[in-house]
PDB file of N, CA and C in Angstrom:
ATOM      1  N   GLN A   1     -16.742 -15.955  30.703  1.00  0.00           N
ATOM      2  CA  GLN A   1     -17.296 -16.264  29.381  1.00  0.00           C
ATOM      3  C   GLN A   1     -16.908 -15.156  28.407  1.00  0.00           C
ATOM      4  N   VAL A   2     -16.364 -15.558  27.265  1.00  0.00           N
ATOM      5  CA  VAL A   2     -15.933 -14.584  26.272  1.00  0.00           C
ATOM      6  C   VAL A   2     -17.114 -14.115  25.440  1.00  0.00           C
ATOM      7  N   GLN A   3     -17.183 -12.816  25.225  1.00  0.00           N
ATOM      8  CA  GLN A   3     -18.230 -12.252  24.380  1.00  0.00           C
ATOM      9  C   GLN A   3     -17.591 -11.212  23.468  1.00  0.00           C
ATOM     10  N   LEU A   4     -17.906 -11.308  22.179  1.00  0.00           N
ATOM     11  CA  LEU A   4     -17.458 -10.343  21.182  1.00  0.00           C
ATOM     12  C   LEU A   4     -18.686  -9.655  20.613  1.00  0.00           C
ATOM     13  N   VAL A   5     -18.694  -8.322  20.629  1.00  0.00           N
ATOM     14  CA  VAL A   5     -19.861  -7.585  20.172  1.00  0.00           C
ATOM     15  C   VAL A   5     -19.430  -6.578  19.113  1.00  0.00           C
ATOM     16  N   GLU A   6     -19.936  -6.761  17.903  1.00  0.00           N
ATOM     17  CA  GLU A   6     -19.632  -5.853  16.811  1.00  0.00           C
ATOM     18  C   GLU A   6     -20.658  -4.724  16.740  1.00  0.00           C
ATOM     19  N   SER A   7     -20.220  -3.602  16.195  1.00  0.00           N
ATOM     20  CA  SER A   7     -21.104  -2.474  15.929  1.00  0.00           C
ATOM     21  C   SER A   7     -20.475  -1.617  14.832  1.00  0.00           C
ATOM     22  N   GLY A   8     -21.264  -0.657  14.338  1.00  0.00           N
ATOM     23  CA  GLY A   8     -20.736   0.276  13.354  1.00  0.00           C
ATOM     24  C   GLY A   8     -21.192   0.036  11.935  1.00  0.00           C
ATOM     25  N   GLY A   9     -21.924  -1.043  11.716  1.00  0.00           N
ATOM     26  CA  GLY A   9     -22.418  -1.288  10.371  1.00  0.00           C
ATOM     27  C   GLY A   9     -23.510  -0.311   9.990  1.00  0.00           C
ATOM     28  N   GLY A  10     -23.900  -0.361   8.735  1.00  0.00           N
ATOM     29  CA  GLY A  10     -24.957   0.519   8.257  1.00  0.00           C
ATOM     30  C   GLY A  10     -25.024   0.551   6.757  1.00  0.00           C
ATOM     31  N   LEU A  11     -25.765   1.510   6.252  1.00  0.00           N
ATOM     32  CA  LEU A  11     -25.950   1.705   4.807  1.00  0.00           C
ATOM     33  C   LEU A  11     -25.087   2.884   4.364  1.00  0.00           C
ATOM     34  N   VAL A  12     -24.297   2.678   3.331  1.00  0.00           N
ATOM     35  CA  VAL A  12     -23.410   3.733   2.840  1.00  0.00           C
ATOM     36  C   VAL A  12     -23.355   3.648   1.317  1.00  0.00           C
ATOM     37  N   GLN A  13     -23.134   4.777   0.680  1.00  0.00           N
ATOM     38  CA  GLN A  13     -22.998   4.786  -0.776  1.00  0.00           C
ATOM     39  C   GLN A  13     -21.610   4.297  -1.179  1.00  0.00           C
ATOM     40  N   ALA A  14     -21.516   3.781  -2.383  1.00  0.00           N
ATOM     41  CA  ALA A  14     -20.218   3.362  -2.912  1.00  0.00           C
ATOM     42  C   ALA A  14     -19.232   4.525  -2.843  1.00  0.00           C
ATOM     43  N   GLY A  15     -18.014   4.213  -2.426  1.00  0.00           N
ATOM     44  CA  GLY A  15     -16.992   5.232  -2.253  1.00  0.00           C
ATOM     45  C   GLY A  15     -16.919   5.781  -0.839  1.00  0.00           C
ATOM     46  N   GLY A  16     -17.903   5.451  -0.037  1.00  0.00           N
ATOM     47  CA  GLY A  16     -17.951   5.936   1.329  1.00  0.00           C
ATOM     48  C   GLY A  16     -17.113   5.108   2.288  1.00  0.00           C
ATOM     49  N   SER A  17     -17.222   5.461   3.571  1.00  0.00           N
ATOM     50  CA  SER A  17     -16.425   4.809   4.617  1.00  0.00           C
ATOM     51  C   SER A  17     -17.295   4.430   5.810  1.00  0.00           C
ATOM     52  N   LEU A  18     -16.861   3.402   6.498  1.00  0.00           N
ATOM     53  CA  LEU A  18     -17.448   2.988   7.767  1.00  0.00           C
ATOM     54  C   LEU A  18     -16.328   2.477   8.656  1.00  0.00           C
ATOM     55  N   ARG A  19     -16.537   2.569   9.958  1.00  0.00           N
ATOM     56  CA  ARG A  19     -15.605   1.952  10.900  1.00  0.00           C
ATOM     57  C   ARG A  19     -16.380   0.996  11.796  1.00  0.00           C
ATOM     58  N   LEU A  20     -15.983  -0.262  11.742  1.00  0.00           N
ATOM     59  CA  LEU A  20     -16.587  -1.275  12.578  1.00  0.00           C
ATOM     60  C   LEU A  20     -15.789  -1.421  13.860  1.00  0.00           C
ATOM     61  N   SER A  21     -16.484  -1.731  14.941  1.00  0.00           N
ATOM     62  CA  SER A  21     -15.847  -1.969  16.228  1.00  0.00           C
ATOM     63  C   SER A  21     -16.214  -3.359  16.725  1.00  0.00           C
ATOM     64  N   CYS A  22     -15.310  -3.946  17.487  1.00  0.00           N
ATOM     65  CA  CYS A  22     -15.554  -5.241  18.125  1.00  0.00           C
ATOM     66  C   CYS A  22     -15.044  -5.130  19.559  1.00  0.00           C
ATOM     67  N   VAL A  23     -15.981  -5.089  20.488  1.00  0.00           N
ATOM     68  CA  VAL A  23     -15.626  -4.987  21.902  1.00  0.00           C
ATOM     69  C   VAL A  23     -15.597  -6.389  22.502  1.00  0.00           C
ATOM     70  N   ALA A  24     -14.500  -6.712  23.163  1.00  0.00           N
ATOM     71  CA  ALA A  24     -14.342  -8.025  23.770  1.00  0.00           C
ATOM     72  C   ALA A  24     -14.520  -7.948  25.273  1.00  0.00           C
ATOM     73  N   SER A  25     -15.234  -8.918  25.801  1.00  0.00           N
ATOM     74  CA  SER A  25     -15.330  -9.078  27.246  1.00  0.00           C
ATOM     75  C   SER A  25     -14.989 -10.525  27.580  1.00  0.00           C
ATOM     76  N   GLY A  26     -14.329 -10.713  28.697  1.00  0.00           N
ATOM     77  CA  GLY A  26     -13.920 -12.059  29.069  1.00  0.00           C
ATOM     78  C   GLY A  26     -12.635 -12.500  28.418  1.00  0.00           C
ATOM     79  N   SER A  27     -12.040 -11.631  27.615  1.00  0.00           N
ATOM     80  CA  SER A  27     -10.747 -11.923  27.001  1.00  0.00           C
ATOM     81  C   SER A  27     -10.016 -10.609  26.800  1.00  0.00           C
ATOM     82  N   ILE A  28      -8.744 -10.691  26.478  1.00  0.00           N
ATOM     83  CA  ILE A  28      -7.920  -9.505  26.295  1.00  0.00           C
ATOM     84  C   ILE A  28      -7.429  -9.479  24.856  1.00  0.00           C
ATOM     85  N   VAL A  29      -7.869  -8.468  24.107  1.00  0.00           N
ATOM     86  CA  VAL A  29      -7.585  -8.457  22.670  1.00  0.00           C
ATOM     87  C   VAL A  29      -6.090  -8.388  22.394  1.00  0.00           C
ATOM     88  N   SER A  30      -5.318  -7.754  23.298  1.00  0.00           N
ATOM     89  CA  SER A  30      -3.888  -7.611  23.038  1.00  0.00           C
ATOM     90  C   SER A  30      -3.148  -8.929  23.149  1.00  0.00           C
ATOM     91  N   LEU A  31      -3.780  -9.919  23.761  1.00  0.00           N
ATOM     92  CA  LEU A  31      -3.130 -11.218  23.936  1.00  0.00           C
ATOM     93  C   LEU A  31      -3.557 -12.230  22.892  1.00  0.00           C
ATOM     94  N   ASN A  32      -4.481 -11.846  22.041  1.00  0.00           N
ATOM     95  CA  ASN A  32      -5.033 -12.785  21.063  1.00  0.00           C
ATOM     96  C   ASN A  32      -4.855 -12.281  19.643  1.00  0.00           C
ATOM     97  N   GLY A  33      -4.648 -13.204  18.729  1.00  0.00           N
ATOM     98  CA  GLY A  33      -4.841 -12.854  17.334  1.00  0.00           C
ATOM     99  C   GLY A  33      -6.322 -12.737  17.084  1.00  0.00           C
ATOM    100  N   MET A  34      -6.719 -11.759  16.293  1.00  0.00           N
ATOM    101  CA  MET A  34      -8.133 -11.561  16.014  1.00  0.00           C
ATOM    102  C   MET A  34      -8.343 -11.271  14.539  1.00  0.00           C
ATOM    103  N   ASP A  35      -9.499 -11.661  14.060  1.00  0.00           N
ATOM    104  CA  ASP A  35      -9.821 -11.538  12.645  1.00  0.00           C
ATOM    105  C   ASP A  35     -11.160 -10.826  12.444  1.00  0.00           C
ATOM    106  N   TRP A  36     -11.329 -10.310  11.258  1.00  0.00           N
ATOM    107  CA  TRP A  36     -12.632  -9.951  10.712  1.00  0.00           C
ATOM    108  C   TRP A  36     -12.929 -10.909   9.560  1.00  0.00           C
ATOM    109  N   HIS A  37     -14.141 -11.393   9.541  1.00  0.00           N
ATOM    110  CA  HIS A  37     -14.653 -12.198   8.442  1.00  0.00           C
ATOM    111  C   HIS A  37     -15.956 -11.564   7.972  1.00  0.00           C
ATOM    112  N   ARG A  38     -16.424 -11.972   6.805  1.00  0.00           N
ATOM    113  CA  ARG A  38     -17.702 -11.460   6.321  1.00  0.00           C
ATOM    114  C   ARG A  38     -18.416 -12.524   5.505  1.00  0.00           C
ATOM    115  N   GLN A  39     -19.733 -12.362   5.424  1.00  0.00           N
ATOM    116  CA  GLN A  39     -20.550 -13.253   4.596  1.00  0.00           C
ATOM    117  C   GLN A  39     -21.542 -12.414   3.826  1.00  0.00           C
ATOM    118  N   GLY A  40     -21.335 -12.375   2.512  1.00  0.00           N
ATOM    119  CA  GLY A  40     -22.241 -11.647   1.647  1.00  0.00           C
ATOM    120  C   GLY A  40     -23.459 -12.464   1.295  1.00  0.00           C
ATOM    121  N   PRO A  41     -24.503 -11.833   0.735  1.00  0.00           N
ATOM    122  CA  PRO A  41     -25.722 -12.556   0.371  1.00  0.00           C
ATOM    123  C   PRO A  41     -25.434 -13.646  -0.647  1.00  0.00           C
ATOM    124  N   GLY A  42     -25.806 -14.864  -0.310  1.00  0.00           N
ATOM    125  CA  GLY A  42     -25.595 -15.992  -1.198  1.00  0.00           C
ATOM    126  C   GLY A  42     -24.155 -16.443  -1.325  1.00  0.00           C
ATOM    127  N   LYS A  43     -23.299 -15.955  -0.446  1.00  0.00           N
ATOM    128  CA  LYS A  43     -21.880 -16.299  -0.519  1.00  0.00           C
ATOM    129  C   LYS A  43     -21.432 -17.025   0.738  1.00  0.00           C
ATOM    130  N   GLN A  44     -20.286 -17.698   0.616  1.00  0.00           N
ATOM    131  CA  GLN A  44     -19.696 -18.316   1.795  1.00  0.00           C
ATOM    132  C   GLN A  44     -18.992 -17.265   2.638  1.00  0.00           C
ATOM    133  N   ARG A  45     -18.849 -17.577   3.909  1.00  0.00           N
ATOM    134  CA  ARG A  45     -18.110 -16.701   4.795  1.00  0.00           C
ATOM    135  C   ARG A  45     -16.650 -16.650   4.359  1.00  0.00           C
ATOM    136  N   GLU A  46     -16.064 -15.448   4.386  1.00  0.00           N
ATOM    137  CA  GLU A  46     -14.684 -15.302   3.928  1.00  0.00           C
ATOM    138  C   GLU A  46     -13.875 -14.440   4.871  1.00  0.00           C
ATOM    139  N   PHE A  47     -12.582 -14.685   4.862  1.00  0.00           N
ATOM    140  CA  PHE A  47     -11.633 -13.916   5.661  1.00  0.00           C
ATOM    141  C   PHE A  47     -11.484 -12.517   5.097  1.00  0.00           C
ATOM    142  N   VAL A  48     -11.371 -11.533   5.995  1.00  0.00           N
ATOM    143  CA  VAL A  48     -11.186 -10.149   5.580  1.00  0.00           C
ATOM    144  C   VAL A  48      -9.837  -9.608   6.051  1.00  0.00           C
ATOM    145  N   ALA A  49      -9.580  -9.724   7.364  1.00  0.00           N
ATOM    146  CA  ALA A  49      -8.355  -9.126   7.898  1.00  0.00           C
ATOM    147  C   ALA A  49      -7.985  -9.805   9.210  1.00  0.00           C
ATOM    148  N   HIS A  50      -6.690  -9.753   9.534  1.00  0.00           N
ATOM    149  CA  HIS A  50      -6.161 -10.364  10.743  1.00  0.00           C
ATOM    150  C   HIS A  50      -5.188  -9.405  11.422  1.00  0.00           C
ATOM    151  N   ILE A  51      -5.209  -9.404  12.751  1.00  0.00           N
ATOM    152  CA  ILE A  51      -4.187  -8.708  13.513  1.00  0.00           C
ATOM    153  C   ILE A  51      -3.663  -9.677  14.560  1.00  0.00           C
ATOM    154  N   SER A  52      -2.343  -9.850  14.582  1.00  0.00           N
ATOM    155  CA  SER A  52      -1.749 -10.785  15.529  1.00  0.00           C
ATOM    156  C   SER A  52      -1.598 -10.132  16.895  1.00  0.00           C
ATOM    157  N   ARG A  53      -1.240 -10.937  17.867  1.00  0.00           N
ATOM    158  CA  ARG A  53      -1.036 -10.394  19.207  1.00  0.00           C
ATOM    159  C   ARG A  53       0.142  -9.427  19.220  1.00  0.00           C
ATOM    160  N   PHE A  54       1.004  -9.528  18.214  1.00  0.00           N
ATOM    161  CA  PHE A  54       2.150  -8.637  18.121  1.00  0.00           C
ATOM    162  C   PHE A  54       1.860  -7.403  17.268  1.00  0.00           C
ATOM    163  N   GLY A  55       0.656  -7.350  16.715  1.00  0.00           N
ATOM    164  CA  GLY A  55       0.273  -6.195  15.918  1.00  0.00           C
ATOM    165  C   GLY A  55       0.493  -6.349  14.428  1.00  0.00           C
ATOM    166  N   ASP A  56       1.003  -7.505  14.002  1.00  0.00           N
ATOM    167  CA  ASP A  56       1.151  -7.747  12.565  1.00  0.00           C
ATOM    168  C   ASP A  56      -0.226  -7.876  11.931  1.00  0.00           C
ATOM    169  N   THR A  57      -0.368  -7.392  10.727  1.00  0.00           N
ATOM    170  CA  THR A  57      -1.661  -7.417  10.049  1.00  0.00           C
ATOM    171  C   THR A  57      -1.571  -8.143   8.713  1.00  0.00           C
ATOM    172  N   ASP A  58      -2.729  -8.644   8.288  1.00  0.00           N
ATOM    173  CA  ASP A  58      -2.836  -9.333   7.013  1.00  0.00           C
ATOM    174  C   ASP A  58      -4.235  -9.082   6.471  1.00  0.00           C
ATOM    175  N   TYR A  59      -4.352  -9.030   5.149  1.00  0.00           N
ATOM    176  CA  TYR A  59      -5.627  -8.682   4.529  1.00  0.00           C
ATOM    177  C   TYR A  59      -5.934  -9.596   3.348  1.00  0.00           C
ATOM    178  N   ALA A  60      -7.219  -9.788   3.117  1.00  0.00           N
ATOM    179  CA  ALA A  60      -7.626 -10.415   1.872  1.00  0.00           C
ATOM    180  C   ALA A  60      -7.277  -9.478   0.722  1.00  0.00           C
ATOM    181  N   SER A  61      -6.931 -10.047  -0.413  1.00  0.00           N
ATOM    182  CA  SER A  61      -6.520  -9.227  -1.548  1.00  0.00           C
ATOM    183  C   SER A  61      -7.627  -8.277  -1.995  1.00  0.00           C
ATOM    184  N   SER A  62      -8.881  -8.681  -1.780  1.00  0.00           N
ATOM    185  CA  SER A  62     -10.012  -7.864  -2.226  1.00  0.00           C
ATOM    186  C   SER A  62     -10.178  -6.579  -1.423  1.00  0.00           C
ATOM    187  N   VAL A  63      -9.570  -6.507  -0.249  1.00  0.00           N
ATOM    188  CA  VAL A  63      -9.736  -5.322   0.597  1.00  0.00           C
ATOM    189  C   VAL A  63      -8.422  -4.605   0.868  1.00  0.00           C
ATOM    190  N   LYS A  64      -7.306  -5.193   0.458  1.00  0.00           N
ATOM    191  CA  LYS A  64      -5.993  -4.607   0.746  1.00  0.00           C
ATOM    192  C   LYS A  64      -5.907  -3.216   0.134  1.00  0.00           C
ATOM    193  N   GLY A  65      -5.431  -2.268   0.919  1.00  0.00           N
ATOM    194  CA  GLY A  65      -5.317  -0.890   0.469  1.00  0.00           C
ATOM    195  C   GLY A  65      -6.554  -0.058   0.741  1.00  0.00           C
ATOM    196  N   ARG A  66      -7.659  -0.720   1.085  1.00  0.00           N
ATOM    197  CA  ARG A  66      -8.911  -0.001   1.375  1.00  0.00           C
ATOM    198  C   ARG A  66      -9.339  -0.144   2.833  1.00  0.00           C
ATOM    199  N   PHE A  67      -9.057  -1.294   3.432  1.00  0.00           N
ATOM    200  CA  PHE A  67      -9.460  -1.575   4.814  1.00  0.00           C
ATOM    201  C   PHE A  67      -8.217  -1.580   5.706  1.00  0.00           C
ATOM    202  N   THR A  68      -8.417  -1.162   6.954  1.00  0.00           N
ATOM    203  CA  THR A  68      -7.331  -1.176   7.942  1.00  0.00           C
ATOM    204  C   THR A  68      -7.847  -1.771   9.246  1.00  0.00           C
ATOM    205  N   ILE A  69      -7.170  -2.803   9.719  1.00  0.00           N
ATOM    206  CA  ILE A  69      -7.510  -3.424  11.002  1.00  0.00           C
ATOM    207  C   ILE A  69      -6.599  -2.834  12.073  1.00  0.00           C
ATOM    208  N   SER A  70      -7.173  -2.600  13.248  1.00  0.00           N
ATOM    209  CA  SER A  70      -6.385  -2.043  14.350  1.00  0.00           C
ATOM    210  C   SER A  70      -7.042  -2.430  15.663  1.00  0.00           C
ATOM    211  N   ARG A  71      -6.421  -2.082  16.758  1.00  0.00           N
ATOM    212  CA  ARG A  71      -7.025  -2.337  18.063  1.00  0.00           C
ATOM    213  C   ARG A  71      -6.571  -1.261  19.038  1.00  0.00           C
ATOM    214  N   ASP A  72      -7.410  -1.092  20.052  1.00  0.00           N
ATOM    215  CA  ASP A  72      -7.113  -0.185  21.160  1.00  0.00           C
ATOM    216  C   ASP A  72      -7.087  -1.044  22.410  1.00  0.00           C
ATOM    217  N   ASN A  73      -5.887  -1.322  22.886  1.00  0.00           N
ATOM    218  CA  ASN A  73      -5.767  -2.232  24.020  1.00  0.00           C
ATOM    219  C   ASN A  73      -6.435  -1.670  25.273  1.00  0.00           C
ATOM    220  N   ALA A  74      -6.378  -0.377  25.453  1.00  0.00           N
ATOM    221  CA  ALA A  74      -6.979   0.235  26.642  1.00  0.00           C
ATOM    222  C   ALA A  74      -8.498   0.045  26.649  1.00  0.00           C
ATOM    223  N   LYS A  75      -9.093   0.015  25.452  1.00  0.00           N
ATOM    224  CA  LYS A  75     -10.544  -0.158  25.346  1.00  0.00           C
ATOM    225  C   LYS A  75     -10.925  -1.616  25.077  1.00  0.00           C
ATOM    226  N   ASN A  76      -9.907  -2.466  24.946  1.00  0.00           N
ATOM    227  CA  ASN A  76     -10.158  -3.888  24.653  1.00  0.00           C
ATOM    228  C   ASN A  76     -11.054  -4.031  23.421  1.00  0.00           C
ATOM    229  N   THR A  77     -10.742  -3.257  22.415  1.00  0.00           N
ATOM    230  CA  THR A  77     -11.587  -3.155  21.221  1.00  0.00           C
ATOM    231  C   THR A  77     -10.742  -3.267  19.966  1.00  0.00           C
ATOM    232  N   MET A  78     -11.281  -3.979  18.986  1.00  0.00           N
ATOM    233  CA  MET A  78     -10.674  -4.091  17.668  1.00  0.00           C
ATOM    234  C   MET A  78     -11.530  -3.311  16.677  1.00  0.00           C
ATOM    235  N   TYR A  79     -10.890  -2.778  15.647  1.00  0.00           N
ATOM    236  CA  TYR A  79     -11.595  -1.961  14.658  1.00  0.00           C
ATOM    237  C   TYR A  79     -11.317  -2.458  13.248  1.00  0.00           C
ATOM    238  N   LEU A  80     -12.221  -2.084  12.358  1.00  0.00           N
ATOM    239  CA  LEU A  80     -11.980  -2.261  10.927  1.00  0.00           C
ATOM    240  C   LEU A  80     -12.420  -0.976  10.239  1.00  0.00           C
ATOM    241  N   GLN A  81     -11.455  -0.191   9.810  1.00  0.00           N
ATOM    242  CA  GLN A  81     -11.741   1.016   9.052  1.00  0.00           C
ATOM    243  C   GLN A  81     -11.875   0.631   7.587  1.00  0.00           C
ATOM    244  N   MET A  82     -13.020   0.924   7.003  1.00  0.00           N
ATOM    245  CA  MET A  82     -13.310   0.533   5.629  1.00  0.00           C
ATOM    246  C   MET A  82     -13.511   1.791   4.792  1.00  0.00           C
ATOM    247  N   ASN A  83     -12.641   2.000   3.834  1.00  0.00           N
ATOM    248  CA  ASN A  83     -12.714   3.145   2.927  1.00  0.00           C
ATOM    249  C   ASN A  83     -12.965   2.675   1.504  1.00  0.00           C
ATOM    250  N   SER A  84     -13.366   3.594   0.673  1.00  0.00           N
ATOM    251  CA  SER A  84     -13.609   3.300  -0.748  1.00  0.00           C
ATOM    252  C   SER A  84     -14.490   2.067  -0.904  1.00  0.00           C
ATOM    253  N   LEU A  85     -15.569   2.042  -0.155  1.00  0.00           N
ATOM    254  CA  LEU A  85     -16.438   0.872  -0.144  1.00  0.00           C
ATOM    255  C   LEU A  85     -17.085   0.643  -1.503  1.00  0.00           C
ATOM    256  N   LYS A  86     -17.269  -0.637  -1.819  1.00  0.00           N
ATOM    257  CA  LYS A  86     -17.867  -1.062  -3.079  1.00  0.00           C
ATOM    258  C   LYS A  86     -19.121  -1.879  -2.780  1.00  0.00           C
ATOM    259  N   PRO A  87     -20.040  -1.948  -3.738  1.00  0.00           N
ATOM    260  CA  PRO A  87     -21.247  -2.771  -3.506  1.00  0.00           C
ATOM    261  C   PRO A  87     -20.910  -4.218  -3.138  1.00  0.00           C
ATOM    262  N   GLU A  88     -19.826  -4.748  -3.677  1.00  0.00           N
ATOM    263  CA  GLU A  88     -19.451  -6.125  -3.365  1.00  0.00           C
ATOM    264  C   GLU A  88     -18.924  -6.302  -1.942  1.00  0.00           C
ATOM    265  N   ASP A  89     -18.745  -5.203  -1.209  1.00  0.00           N
ATOM    266  CA  ASP A  89     -18.384  -5.302   0.209  1.00  0.00           C
ATOM    267  C   ASP A  89     -19.613  -5.525   1.087  1.00  0.00           C
ATOM    268  N   THR A  90     -20.795  -5.481   0.495  1.00  0.00           N
ATOM    269  CA  THR A  90     -22.027  -5.728   1.240  1.00  0.00           C
ATOM    270  C   THR A  90     -21.993  -7.109   1.865  1.00  0.00           C
ATOM    271  N   ALA A  91     -22.162  -7.172   3.183  1.00  0.00           N
ATOM    272  CA  ALA A  91     -22.056  -8.441   3.902  1.00  0.00           C
ATOM    273  C   ALA A  91     -22.359  -8.206   5.374  1.00  0.00           C
ATOM    274  N   VAL A  92     -22.528  -9.309   6.084  1.00  0.00           N
ATOM    275  CA  VAL A  92     -22.493  -9.274   7.542  1.00  0.00           C
ATOM    276  C   VAL A  92     -21.042  -9.490   7.957  1.00  0.00           C
ATOM    277  N   TYR A  93     -20.528  -8.590   8.771  1.00  0.00           N
ATOM    278  CA  TYR A  93     -19.141  -8.639   9.210  1.00  0.00           C
ATOM    279  C   TYR A  93     -19.069  -9.167  10.645  1.00  0.00           C
ATOM    280  N   TYR A  94     -18.165 -10.116  10.839  1.00  0.00           N
ATOM    281  CA  TYR A  94     -18.004 -10.772  12.127  1.00  0.00           C
ATOM    282  C   TYR A  94     -16.570 -10.598  12.637  1.00  0.00           C
ATOM    283  N   CYS A  95     -16.435 -10.419  13.938  1.00  0.00           N
ATOM    284  CA  CYS A  95     -15.097 -10.497  14.524  1.00  0.00           C
ATOM    285  C   CYS A  95     -14.948 -11.851  15.213  1.00  0.00           C
ATOM    286  N   THR A  96     -13.728 -12.347  15.183  1.00  0.00           N
ATOM    287  CA  THR A  96     -13.412 -13.628  15.795  1.00  0.00           C
ATOM    288  C   THR A  96     -12.085 -13.519  16.521  1.00  0.00           C
ATOM    289  N   ASP A  97     -11.866 -14.443  17.462  1.00  0.00           N
ATOM    290  CA  ASP A  97     -10.552 -14.482  18.099  1.00  0.00           C
ATOM    291  C   ASP A  97      -9.893 -15.839  17.827  1.00  0.00           C
ATOM    292  N   SER A  98      -8.682 -15.975  18.308  1.00  0.00           N
ATOM    293  CA  SER A  98      -7.904 -17.173  17.985  1.00  0.00           C
ATOM    294  C   SER A  98      -8.384 -18.408  18.729  1.00  0.00           C
ATOM    295  N   TYR A  99      -9.367 -18.222  19.632  1.00  0.00           N
ATOM    296  CA  TYR A  99      -9.915 -19.360  20.354  1.00  0.00           C
ATOM    297  C   TYR A  99     -11.253 -19.817  19.771  1.00  0.00           C
ATOM    298  N   GLY A 100     -11.643 -19.243  18.649  1.00  0.00           N
ATOM    299  CA  GLY A 100     -12.852 -19.691  17.979  1.00  0.00           C
ATOM    300  C   GLY A 100     -14.123 -19.010  18.418  1.00  0.00           C
ATOM    301  N   HIS A 101     -13.994 -17.927  19.163  1.00  0.00           N
ATOM    302  CA  HIS A 101     -15.193 -17.180  19.532  1.00  0.00           C
ATOM    303  C   HIS A 101     -15.595 -16.239  18.404  1.00  0.00           C
ATOM    304  N   TRP A 102     -16.898 -16.099  18.187  1.00  0.00           N
ATOM    305  CA  TRP A 102     -17.449 -15.237  17.147  1.00  0.00           C
ATOM    306  C   TRP A 102     -18.459 -14.278  17.738  1.00  0.00           C
ATOM    307  N   GLY A 103     -18.514 -13.076  17.150  1.00  0.00           N
ATOM    308  CA  GLY A 103     -19.562 -12.156  17.502  1.00  0.00           C
ATOM    309  C   GLY A 103     -20.827 -12.458  16.730  1.00  0.00           C
ATOM    310  N   GLN A 104     -21.853 -11.642  16.947  1.00  0.00           N
ATOM    311  CA  GLN A 104     -23.144 -11.874  16.299  1.00  0.00           C
ATOM    312  C   GLN A 104     -23.213 -11.261  14.911  1.00  0.00           C
ATOM    313  N   GLY A 105     -22.244 -10.393  14.599  1.00  0.00           N
ATOM    314  CA  GLY A 105     -22.169  -9.780  13.277  1.00  0.00           C
ATOM    315  C   GLY A 105     -22.841  -8.424  13.218  1.00  0.00           C
ATOM    316  N   THR A 106     -22.390  -7.631  12.259  1.00  0.00           N
ATOM    317  CA  THR A 106     -22.988  -6.327  11.989  1.00  0.00           C
ATOM    318  C   THR A 106     -23.123  -6.171  10.474  1.00  0.00           C
ATOM    319  N   GLN A 107     -24.295  -5.691  10.043  1.00  0.00           N
ATOM    320  CA  GLN A 107     -24.595  -5.630   8.611  1.00  0.00           C
ATOM    321  C   GLN A 107     -23.993  -4.381   7.979  1.00  0.00           C
ATOM    322  N   VAL A 108     -23.309  -4.569   6.874  1.00  0.00           N
ATOM    323  CA  VAL A 108     -22.803  -3.466   6.063  1.00  0.00           C
ATOM    324  C   VAL A 108     -23.443  -3.568   4.688  1.00  0.00           C
ATOM    325  N   THR A 109     -24.093  -2.507   4.263  1.00  0.00           N
ATOM    326  CA  THR A 109     -24.727  -2.476   2.945  1.00  0.00           C
ATOM    327  C   THR A 109     -24.182  -1.279   2.170  1.00  0.00           C
ATOM    328  N   VAL A 110     -23.638  -1.549   1.000  1.00  0.00           N
ATOM    329  CA  VAL A 110     -23.055  -0.504   0.155  1.00  0.00           C
ATOM    330  C   VAL A 110     -23.915  -0.393  -1.099  1.00  0.00           C
ATOM    331  N   SER A 111     -24.506   0.778  -1.282  1.00  0.00           N
ATOM    332  CA  SER A 111     -25.361   0.997  -2.452  1.00  0.00           C
ATOM    333  C   SER A 111     -24.554   1.588  -3.603  1.00  0.00           C
ATOM    334  N   SER A 112     -24.962   1.255  -4.805  1.00  0.00           N
ATOM    335  CA  SER A 112     -24.233   1.734  -5.994  1.00  0.00           C
ATOM    336  C   SER A 112     -24.776   3.048  -6.493  1.00  0.00           C
TER     337      SER A 112
END
């Protein structure tokens, strides 16, 4: 059974940084494309970043240049390094894989 578990969220001031982690069990992150998505208060869930099984990356325009997606194959873990955070980045962040599995989410709150 595949399980994705996010961590690393929290409260940070605007301009600050956080690193989110997504640990996978029951699957191998290096063999799957994986994404980060987020859902802000009163907003629809939206795509944030993608990393392919080959390591290619893609970002939403709203986070490009500020967020970096990566993975550590030895730890079977995906990351999202978030810098220069803005209040509009406040959301629950979810990791997903290419088979439609989702984690439970981790809350990120950016204060102004």
